[in-house]
C-alpha atoms as a PDB file:
ATOM      1  CA  MET A   1      60.047 -52.369 145.823  1.00  0.00           C
ATOM      2  CA  SER A   2      63.708 -51.751 146.339  1.00  0.00           C
ATOM      3  CA  GLU A   3      64.579 -54.779 144.192  1.00  0.00           C
ATOM      4  CA  GLU A   4      62.254 -53.623 141.415  1.00  0.00           C
ATOM      5  CA  LYS A   5      63.948 -50.185 141.445  1.00  0.00           C
ATOM      6  CA  LYS A   6      67.374 -51.791 141.167  1.00  0.00           C
ATOM      7  CA  ILE A   7      66.234 -53.896 138.188  1.00  0.00           C
ATOM      8  CA  ILE A   8      64.774 -50.812 136.406  1.00  0.00           C
ATOM      9  CA  GLU A   9      67.977 -48.819 137.019  1.00  0.00           C
ATOM     10  CA  GLU A  10      70.107 -51.683 135.651  1.00  0.00           C
ATOM     11  CA  GLU A  11      67.923 -51.886 132.498  1.00  0.00           C
ATOM     12  CA  LYS A  12      68.274 -48.136 131.976  1.00  0.00           C
ATOM     13  CA  SER A  13      72.031 -48.320 132.358  1.00  0.00           C
ATOM     14  CA  ASN A  14      72.225 -51.164 129.809  1.00  0.00           C
ATOM     15  CA  GLU A  15      70.124 -49.280 127.226  1.00  0.00           C
ATOM     16  CA  PRO A  16      72.191 -47.451 124.497  1.00  0.00           C
ATOM     17  CA  GLU A  17      72.358 -43.691 124.847  1.00  0.00           C
ATOM     18  CA  GLU A  18      70.345 -41.653 122.357  1.00  0.00           C
ATOM     19  CA  LYS A  19      72.495 -39.664 119.922  1.00  0.00           C
ATOM     20  CA  LYS A  20      71.815 -35.957 119.999  1.00  0.00           C
ATOM     21  CA  PRO A  21      71.440 -34.303 116.609  1.00  0.00           C
ATOM     22  CA  ALA A  22      74.373 -32.128 115.709  1.00  0.00           C
ATOM     23  CA  GLY A  23      73.105 -28.589 115.938  1.00  0.00           C
ATOM     24  CA  LEU A  24      74.450 -25.489 114.326  1.00  0.00           C
ATOM     25  CA  GLY A  25      76.706 -23.450 116.530  1.00  0.00           C
ATOM     26  CA  ILE A  26      78.936 -24.366 119.460  1.00  0.00           C
ATOM     27  CA  GLU A  27      78.346 -27.228 121.943  1.00  0.00           C
ATOM     28  CA  THR A  28      79.778 -27.274 125.486  1.00  0.00           C
ATOM     29  CA  GLU A  29      80.460 -30.260 127.693  1.00  0.00           C
ATOM     30  CA  LYS A  30      79.513 -29.874 131.336  1.00  0.00           C
ATOM     31  CA  LYS A  31      82.200 -32.167 132.686  1.00  0.00           C
ATOM     32  CA  THR A  32      85.325 -30.817 130.997  1.00  0.00           C
ATOM     33  CA  GLY A  33      84.129 -27.312 130.113  1.00  0.00           C
ATOM     34  CA  GLU A  34      85.825 -27.579 126.659  1.00  0.00           C
ATOM     35  CA  VAL A  35      84.324 -26.012 123.567  1.00  0.00           C
ATOM     36  CA  LYS A  36      83.720 -28.150 120.488  1.00  0.00           C
ATOM     37  CA  LYS A  37      83.187 -26.674 117.036  1.00  0.00           C
ATOM     38  CA  ASN A  38      80.955 -28.434 114.566  1.00  0.00           C
ATOM     39  CA  ASP A  39      81.717 -28.541 110.828  1.00  0.00           C
ATOM     40  CA  PHE A  40      78.892 -26.050 110.234  1.00  0.00           C
ATOM     41  CA  SER A  41      79.895 -23.447 112.800  1.00  0.00           C
ATOM     42  CA  PRO A  42      79.587 -19.808 111.690  1.00  0.00           C
ATOM     43  CA  GLU A  43      83.224 -19.095 112.601  1.00  0.00           C
ATOM     44  CA  ARG A  44      84.439 -21.781 110.234  1.00  0.00           C
ATOM     45  CA  LYS A  45      82.154 -20.489 107.504  1.00  0.00           C
ATOM     46  CA  PHE A  46      83.572 -16.999 107.991  1.00  0.00           C
ATOM     47  CA  SER A  47      87.157 -18.270 107.782  1.00  0.00           C
ATOM     48  CA  GLU A  48      86.344 -20.288 104.634  1.00  0.00           C
ATOM     49  CA  LYS A  49      84.789 -17.209 103.044  1.00  0.00           C
ATOM     50  CA  ARG A  50      87.902 -15.188 103.797  1.00  0.00           C
ATOM     51  CA  THR A  51      90.271 -17.758 102.326  1.00  0.00           C
ATOM     52  CA  GLY A  52      87.978 -18.199  99.334  1.00  0.00           C
ATOM     53  CA  GLY A  53      87.995 -14.445  98.739  1.00  0.00           C
ATOM     54  CA  SER A  54      91.798 -14.258  98.548  1.00  0.00           C
ATOM     55  CA  GLN A  55      91.894 -17.257  96.243  1.00  0.00           C
ATOM     56  CA  GLY A  56      89.201 -15.676  94.087  1.00  0.00           C
ATOM     57  CA  ARG A  57      91.258 -12.488  93.738  1.00  0.00           C
ATOM     58  CA  LYS A  58      94.290 -14.509  92.683  1.00  0.00           C
ATOM     59  CA  MET A  59      92.167 -16.366  90.139  1.00  0.00           C
ATOM     60  CA  LYS A  60      90.851 -13.055  88.752  1.00  0.00           C
ATOM     61  CA  LYS A  61      94.403 -11.704  88.433  1.00  0.00           C
ATOM     62  CA  ASN A  62      95.496 -14.867  86.648  1.00  0.00           C
ATOM     63  CA  ARG A  63      92.515 -14.561  84.283  1.00  0.00           C
ATOM     64  CA  LYS A  64      93.434 -10.935  83.533  1.00  0.00           C
ATOM     65  CA  GLY A  65      97.021 -11.963  82.826  1.00  0.00           C
ATOM     66  CA  ASP A  66      95.834 -14.710  80.487  1.00  0.00           C
ATOM     67  CA  ARG A  67      93.577 -12.255  78.635  1.00  0.00           C
ATOM     68  CA  GLU A  68      96.440  -9.766  78.229  1.00  0.00           C
ATOM     69  CA  ARG A  69      98.675 -12.522  76.865  1.00  0.00           C
ATOM     70  CA  GLU A  70      95.956 -13.595  74.434  1.00  0.00           C
ATOM     71  CA  ASP A  71      95.516  -9.975  73.307  1.00  0.00           C
ATOM     72  CA  ARG A  72      99.262  -9.688  72.727  1.00  0.00           C
ATOM     73  CA  LYS A  73      99.241 -12.909  70.753  1.00  0.00           C
ATOM     74  CA  ASP A  74      96.295 -11.729  68.668  1.00  0.00           C
ATOM     75  CA  GLU A  75      97.937  -8.328  68.140  1.00  0.00           C
ATOM     76  CA  PHE A  76     100.312  -9.755  65.497  1.00  0.00           C
ATOM     77  CA  GLU A  77      99.314 -11.829  62.524  1.00  0.00           C
ATOM     78  CA  GLN A  78     101.930 -14.402  61.594  1.00  0.00           C
ATOM     79  CA  ARG A  79     102.646 -16.149  58.298  1.00  0.00           C
ATOM     80  CA  VAL A  80     105.187 -18.873  57.615  1.00  0.00           C
ATOM     81  CA  LEU A  81     107.411 -17.867  54.707  1.00  0.00           C
ATOM     82  CA  ASP A  82     109.557 -20.995  54.463  1.00  0.00           C
ATOM     83  CA  ILE A  83     110.014 -24.367  56.226  1.00  0.00           C
ATOM     84  CA  ALA A  84     112.950 -26.641  55.462  1.00  0.00           C
ATOM     85  CA  ARG A  85     114.453 -29.797  56.966  1.00  0.00           C
ATOM     86  CA  VAL A  86     118.144 -29.336  57.680  1.00  0.00           C
ATOM     87  CA  THR A  87     120.823 -31.807  58.839  1.00  0.00           C
ATOM     88  CA  ARG A  88     123.930 -31.406  60.918  1.00  0.00           C
ATOM     89  CA  VAL A  89     126.716 -33.971  60.613  1.00  0.00           C
ATOM     90  CA  MET A  90     127.871 -35.115  64.065  1.00  0.00           C
ATOM     91  CA  ALA A  91     130.403 -37.725  65.186  1.00  0.00           C
ATOM     92  CA  GLY A  92     127.658 -40.324  65.641  1.00  0.00           C
ATOM     93  CA  GLY A  93     125.821 -39.495  62.421  1.00  0.00           C
ATOM     94  CA  LYS A  94     123.409 -36.883  61.056  1.00  0.00           C
ATOM     95  CA  ARG A  95     121.154 -34.824  63.308  1.00  0.00           C
ATOM     96  CA  MET A  96     117.850 -33.748  61.735  1.00  0.00           C
ATOM     97  CA  ASN A  97     116.263 -30.366  62.516  1.00  0.00           C
ATOM     98  CA  PHE A  98     113.632 -28.042  61.057  1.00  0.00           C
ATOM     99  CA  ARG A  99     114.214 -24.426  60.060  1.00  0.00           C
ATOM    100  CA  ALA A 100     111.326 -21.952  59.866  1.00  0.00           C
ATOM    101  CA  CYS A 101     111.197 -18.404  58.524  1.00  0.00           C
ATOM    102  CA  VAL A 102     108.195 -16.471  59.886  1.00  0.00           C
ATOM    103  CA  ALA A 103     106.933 -12.924  59.250  1.00  0.00           C
ATOM    104  CA  ILE A 104     104.683 -11.123  61.734  1.00  0.00           C
ATOM    105  CA  GLY A 105     102.814  -7.819  61.474  1.00  0.00           C
ATOM    106  CA  ASP A 106      99.967  -5.870  63.043  1.00  0.00           C
ATOM    107  CA  GLY A 107      98.744  -4.150  59.859  1.00  0.00           C
ATOM    108  CA  LYS A 108      99.590  -0.783  61.467  1.00  0.00           C
ATOM    109  CA  ASN A 109     103.036  -0.147  59.960  1.00  0.00           C
ATOM    110  CA  ARG A 110     104.894  -2.670  62.153  1.00  0.00           C
ATOM    111  CA  VAL A 111     106.470  -5.818  60.729  1.00  0.00           C
ATOM    112  CA  GLY A 112     109.263  -8.246  61.557  1.00  0.00           C
ATOM    113  CA  VAL A 113     110.960 -11.387  60.230  1.00  0.00           C
ATOM    114  CA  GLY A 114     112.601 -14.159  62.263  1.00  0.00           C
ATOM    115  CA  LEU A 115     114.439 -17.448  61.738  1.00  0.00           C
ATOM    116  CA  GLY A 116     114.207 -20.403  64.114  1.00  0.00           C
ATOM    117  CA  LYS A 117     115.402 -24.002  64.336  1.00  0.00           C
ATOM    118  CA  GLY A 118     113.964 -26.862  66.359  1.00  0.00           C
ATOM    119  CA  ALA A 119     113.507 -30.611  66.648  1.00  0.00           C
ATOM    120  CA  ASP A 120     109.957 -30.241  65.283  1.00  0.00           C
ATOM    121  CA  VAL A 121     108.084 -27.663  63.225  1.00  0.00           C
ATOM    122  CA  THR A 122     106.109 -26.085  66.095  1.00  0.00           C
ATOM    123  CA  MET A 123     109.276 -25.460  68.115  1.00  0.00           C
ATOM    124  CA  ALA A 124     110.992 -23.884  65.113  1.00  0.00           C
ATOM    125  CA  VAL A 125     107.981 -21.635  64.374  1.00  0.00           C
ATOM    126  CA  ASN A 126     107.720 -20.474  68.005  1.00  0.00           C
ATOM    127  CA  LYS A 127     111.424 -19.579  68.079  1.00  0.00           C
ATOM    128  CA  ALA A 128     111.084 -17.682  64.810  1.00  0.00           C
ATOM    129  CA  VAL A 129     108.063 -15.717  66.111  1.00  0.00           C
ATOM    130  CA  ASN A 130     109.925 -14.730  69.294  1.00  0.00           C
ATOM    131  CA  LYS A 131     112.909 -13.506  67.253  1.00  0.00           C
ATOM    132  CA  ALA A 132     110.624 -11.573  64.903  1.00  0.00           C
ATOM    133  CA  LYS A 133     108.975  -9.798  67.872  1.00  0.00           C
ATOM    134  CA  LYS A 134     112.412  -8.632  69.032  1.00  0.00           C
ATOM    135  CA  ASN A 135     113.278  -7.211  65.584  1.00  0.00           C
ATOM    136  CA  LEU A 136     110.202  -5.184  64.635  1.00  0.00           C
ATOM    137  CA  VAL A 137     110.440  -2.404  62.030  1.00  0.00           C
ATOM    138  CA  GLU A 138     108.154   0.639  61.759  1.00  0.00           C
ATOM    139  CA  VAL A 139     107.247   1.537  58.171  1.00  0.00           C
ATOM    140  CA  PRO A 140     106.405   5.231  57.580  1.00  0.00           C
ATOM    141  CA  THR A 141     103.603   5.612  55.034  1.00  0.00           C
ATOM    142  CA  VAL A 142     101.947   8.525  53.214  1.00  0.00           C
ATOM    143  CA  ASN A 143      98.447   8.010  51.767  1.00  0.00           C
ATOM    144  CA  GLU A 144      98.695   4.223  52.268  1.00  0.00           C
ATOM    145  CA  THR A 145     101.944   3.953  50.248  1.00  0.00           C
ATOM    146  CA  ILE A 146     105.676   4.469  50.767  1.00  0.00           C
ATOM    147  CA  PRO A 147     106.855   8.096  50.506  1.00  0.00           C
ATOM    148  CA  HIS A 148     109.680   7.542  47.974  1.00  0.00           C
ATOM    149  CA  GLU A 149     111.425   5.000  45.759  1.00  0.00           C
ATOM    150  CA  ILE A 150     113.900   2.542  47.343  1.00  0.00           C
ATOM    151  CA  TYR A 151     116.475   0.141  45.951  1.00  0.00           C
ATOM    152  CA  SER A 152     117.844  -2.435  48.395  1.00  0.00           C
ATOM    153  CA  LYS A 153     120.541  -5.102  48.093  1.00  0.00           C
ATOM    154  CA  ALA A 154     121.298  -7.828  50.648  1.00  0.00           C
ATOM    155  CA  GLY A 155     123.599 -10.624  49.553  1.00  0.00           C
ATOM    156  CA  ALA A 156     122.368 -11.872  46.175  1.00  0.00           C
ATOM    157  CA  ALA A 157     118.894 -10.336  46.682  1.00  0.00           C
ATOM    158  CA  LYS A 158     118.059  -7.072  44.897  1.00  0.00           C
ATOM    159  CA  ILE A 159     114.611  -5.481  45.196  1.00  0.00           C
ATOM    160  CA  LEU A 160     113.187  -2.228  43.843  1.00  0.00           C
ATOM    161  CA  PHE A 161     110.212  -0.544  45.559  1.00  0.00           C
ATOM    162  CA  LYS A 162     108.122   2.266  44.064  1.00  0.00           C
ATOM    163  CA  PRO A 163     105.148   4.169  45.499  1.00  0.00           C
ATOM    164  CA  ALA A 164     101.768   3.653  43.836  1.00  0.00           C
ATOM    165  CA  ARG A 165      98.491   5.531  43.614  1.00  0.00           C
ATOM    166  CA  ARG A 166      95.501   4.733  45.729  1.00  0.00           C
ATOM    167  CA  GLY A 167      93.599   1.724  44.461  1.00  0.00           C
ATOM    168  CA  ARG A 168      96.531   0.068  42.678  1.00  0.00           C
ATOM    169  CA  GLY A 169      97.086  -2.462  45.470  1.00  0.00           C
ATOM    170  CA  VAL A 170     100.259  -4.395  46.300  1.00  0.00           C
ATOM    171  CA  ILE A 171     102.002  -5.290  43.034  1.00  0.00           C
ATOM    172  CA  ALA A 172     104.691  -7.702  44.226  1.00  0.00           C
ATOM    173  CA  GLY A 173     105.391 -11.400  44.304  1.00  0.00           C
ATOM    174  CA  GLY A 174     106.331 -14.112  46.755  1.00  0.00           C
ATOM    175  CA  VAL A 175     107.761 -13.154  50.124  1.00  0.00           C
ATOM    176  CA  VAL A 176     107.797  -9.409  49.407  1.00  0.00           C
ATOM    177  CA  ARG A 177     104.008  -9.350  48.976  1.00  0.00           C
ATOM    178  CA  THR A 178     103.299 -11.083  52.298  1.00  0.00           C
ATOM    179  CA  ILE A 179     105.647  -8.775  54.247  1.00  0.00           C
ATOM    180  CA  LEU A 180     104.131  -5.612  52.722  1.00  0.00           C
ATOM    181  CA  GLU A 181     100.589  -6.828  53.450  1.00  0.00           C
ATOM    182  CA  LEU A 182     101.496  -7.585  57.077  1.00  0.00           C
ATOM    183  CA  ALA A 183     103.057  -4.121  57.378  1.00  0.00           C
ATOM    184  CA  GLY A 184      99.793  -2.487  56.275  1.00  0.00           C
ATOM    185  CA  VAL A 185     101.114  -0.921  53.032  1.00  0.00           C
ATOM    186  CA  HIS A 186      98.095  -1.066  50.712  1.00  0.00           C
ATOM    187  CA  ASN A 187      99.496   0.504  47.515  1.00  0.00           C
ATOM    188  CA  VAL A 188     103.041  -0.232  46.349  1.00  0.00           C
ATOM    189  CA  SER A 189     104.837  -1.864  43.435  1.00  0.00           C
ATOM    190  CA  ALA A 190     107.970  -3.988  43.895  1.00  0.00           C
ATOM    191  CA  LYS A 191     110.242  -6.000  41.613  1.00  0.00           C
ATOM    192  CA  ILE A 192     112.677  -8.779  42.626  1.00  0.00           C
ATOM    193  CA  LEU A 193     115.794  -8.270  40.500  1.00  0.00           C
ATOM    194  CA  GLY A 194     118.139 -10.827  42.077  1.00  0.00           C
ATOM    195  CA  THR A 195     117.861 -14.283  43.596  1.00  0.00           C
ATOM    196  CA  ASN A 196     114.640 -16.188  44.278  1.00  0.00           C
ATOM    197  CA  ASN A 197     115.812 -17.367  47.727  1.00  0.00           C
ATOM    198  CA  LYS A 198     112.917 -16.643  50.105  1.00  0.00           C
ATOM    199  CA  ILE A 199     115.017 -15.946  53.201  1.00  0.00           C
ATOM    200  CA  ASN A 200     117.401 -13.558  51.392  1.00  0.00           C
ATOM    201  CA  ASN A 201     114.459 -11.724  49.806  1.00  0.00           C
ATOM    202  CA  ALA A 202     112.739 -11.403  53.200  1.00  0.00           C
ATOM    203  CA  ILE A 203     115.914  -9.948  54.785  1.00  0.00           C
ATOM    204  CA  CYS A 204     116.340  -7.592  51.814  1.00  0.00           C
ATOM    205  CA  THR A 205     112.728  -6.396  52.165  1.00  0.00           C
ATOM    206  CA  ILE A 206     113.196  -5.625  55.864  1.00  0.00           C
ATOM    207  CA  GLU A 207     116.442  -3.739  55.120  1.00  0.00           C
ATOM    208  CA  ALA A 208     114.607  -1.702  52.475  1.00  0.00           C
ATOM    209  CA  LEU A 209     111.780  -0.819  54.874  1.00  0.00           C
ATOM    210  CA  LYS A 210     114.377   0.363  57.409  1.00  0.00           C
ATOM    211  CA  LYS A 211     115.783   2.815  54.838  1.00  0.00           C
ATOM    212  CA  ILE A 212     112.467   4.607  54.285  1.00  0.00           C
ATOM    213  CA  LYS A 213     112.685   8.215  55.457  1.00  0.00           C
ATOM    214  CA  ARG A 214     109.879   9.897  57.324  1.00  0.00           C
ATOM    215  CA  VAL A 215     108.198  12.749  55.474  1.00  0.00           C
ATOM    216  CA  GLU A 216     107.055  15.600  57.687  1.00  0.00           C
ATOM    217  CA  ARG A 217     103.773  17.074  56.569  1.00  0.00           C
ATOM    218  CA  GLN A 218     104.149  20.810  55.953  1.00  0.00           C
ATOM    219  CA  SER A 219     101.420  23.070  57.264  1.00  0.00           C
ATOM    220  CA  PRO A 220      99.557  24.937  54.504  1.00  0.00           C
ATOM    221  CA  LEU A 221     100.806  28.528  53.923  1.00  0.00           C
ATOM    222  CA  GLU A 222      98.658  31.514  54.816  1.00  0.00           C
ATOM    223  CA  PRO A 223      97.344  33.701  51.951  1.00  0.00           C
ATOM    224  CA  SER A 224      99.721  36.580  52.830  1.00  0.00           C
ATOM    225  CA  GLN A 225     102.748  34.229  52.758  1.00  0.00           C
ATOM    226  CA  GLU A 226     101.631  32.800  49.403  1.00  0.00           C
ATOM    227  CA  ARG A 227     101.303  36.308  47.923  1.00  0.00           C
ATOM    228  CA  GLY A 228     104.744  37.268  49.173  1.00  0.00           C
ATOM    229  CA  LYS A 229     106.202  34.091  47.733  1.00  0.00           C
ATOM    230  CA  ARG A 230     104.549  34.675  44.363  1.00  0.00           C
ATOM    231  CA  GLY A 231     105.636  38.345  44.352  1.00  0.00           C
ATOM    232  CA  GLY A 232     109.253  37.382  45.010  1.00  0.00           C
ATOM    233  CA  GLU A 233     109.191  34.789  42.240  1.00  0.00           C
ATOM    234  CA  SER A 234     107.715  37.303  39.733  1.00  0.00           C
ATOM    235  CA  LYS A 235     110.368  39.929  40.596  1.00  0.00           C
ATOM    236  CA  LYS A 236     113.143  37.358  40.074  1.00  0.00           C
ATOM    237  CA  GLU A 237     111.669  36.395  36.715  1.00  0.00           C
ATOM    238  CA  GLU A 238     111.489  40.068  35.617  1.00  0.00           C
ATOM    239  CA  ALA A 239     115.084  40.673  36.682  1.00  0.00           C
ATOM    240  CA  GLY A 240     116.230  37.576  34.799  1.00  0.00           C
ATOM    241  CA  GLY A 241     114.380  38.714  31.661  1.00  0.00           C
ATOM    242  CA  GLU A 242     115.998  42.180  31.763  1.00  0.00           C
ATOM    243  CA  ARG A 243     119.459  40.628  32.026  1.00  0.00           C
ATOM    244  CA  ASN A 244     118.801  38.394  29.071  1.00  0.00           C
ATOM    245  CA  LEU A 245     117.718  41.426  26.985  1.00  0.00           C
ATOM    246  CA  LYS A 246     120.887  43.373  27.868  1.00  0.00           C
ATOM    247  CA  ASN A 247     123.071  40.417  27.015  1.00  0.00           C
ATOM    248  CA  SER A 248     121.355  39.944  23.663  1.00  0.00           C
ATOM    249  CA  LYS A 249     121.808  43.687  22.772  1.00  0.00           C
ATOM    250  CA  GLU A 250     125.495  43.560  23.669  1.00  0.00           C
ATOM    251  CA  ASN A 251     125.961  40.496  21.502  1.00  0.00           C
ATOM    252  CA  GLN A 252     124.277  42.244  18.542  1.00  0.00           C
ATOM    253  CA  LYS A 253     126.626  45.272  18.855  1.00  0.00           C
END
């Protein structure tokens, strides 16, 4: 019997140990007393949630920043006024570049013009837009038109601007028309009297819009003030008439 027991014990020792399924939670070893954490332990889940929360907040902030940038970009409408290929003569030969003239505006009395150069067209346009944003001009308007007549001269460019009635529209040509439309001036008439150079005309238009004076709207007079004003005017007219009569009598004598 003792031999049979030894054989059974040897067979058991040779048999492979059964693998215990990995349970959720924390397992302890009896021999060492150490604590092992499984991949699915609740503590690890909690830590992952915390890190994920901070990352999520950062992502939300980044998304908000992107939206604000997109809104700023969409705030201004941009139009390319002129694109030209220019060359610079260097020691080794000619260097080719692109020059772009861009006008931007929000349609709410703000407009700007910028010039930019770059190795390709997109680079030149981006530089021009950034310069235009730094040099914005506010255009004061009254009843969707300019308050008074302006004559502007910049270099060889000469432009005349006149206010127009409602419904007339923008009566202008070329670069001047695009800048006025971007500025949000709906009724105005303009005439280019000098050169046809687009860049000079654009600069001249911006200089003219800078010269426009703001018109302060006067509050309507009260009835008593109007009567007093009319009474004073009538008295002055009577006094002037009496003087004229005296002068005429003296001349007759």
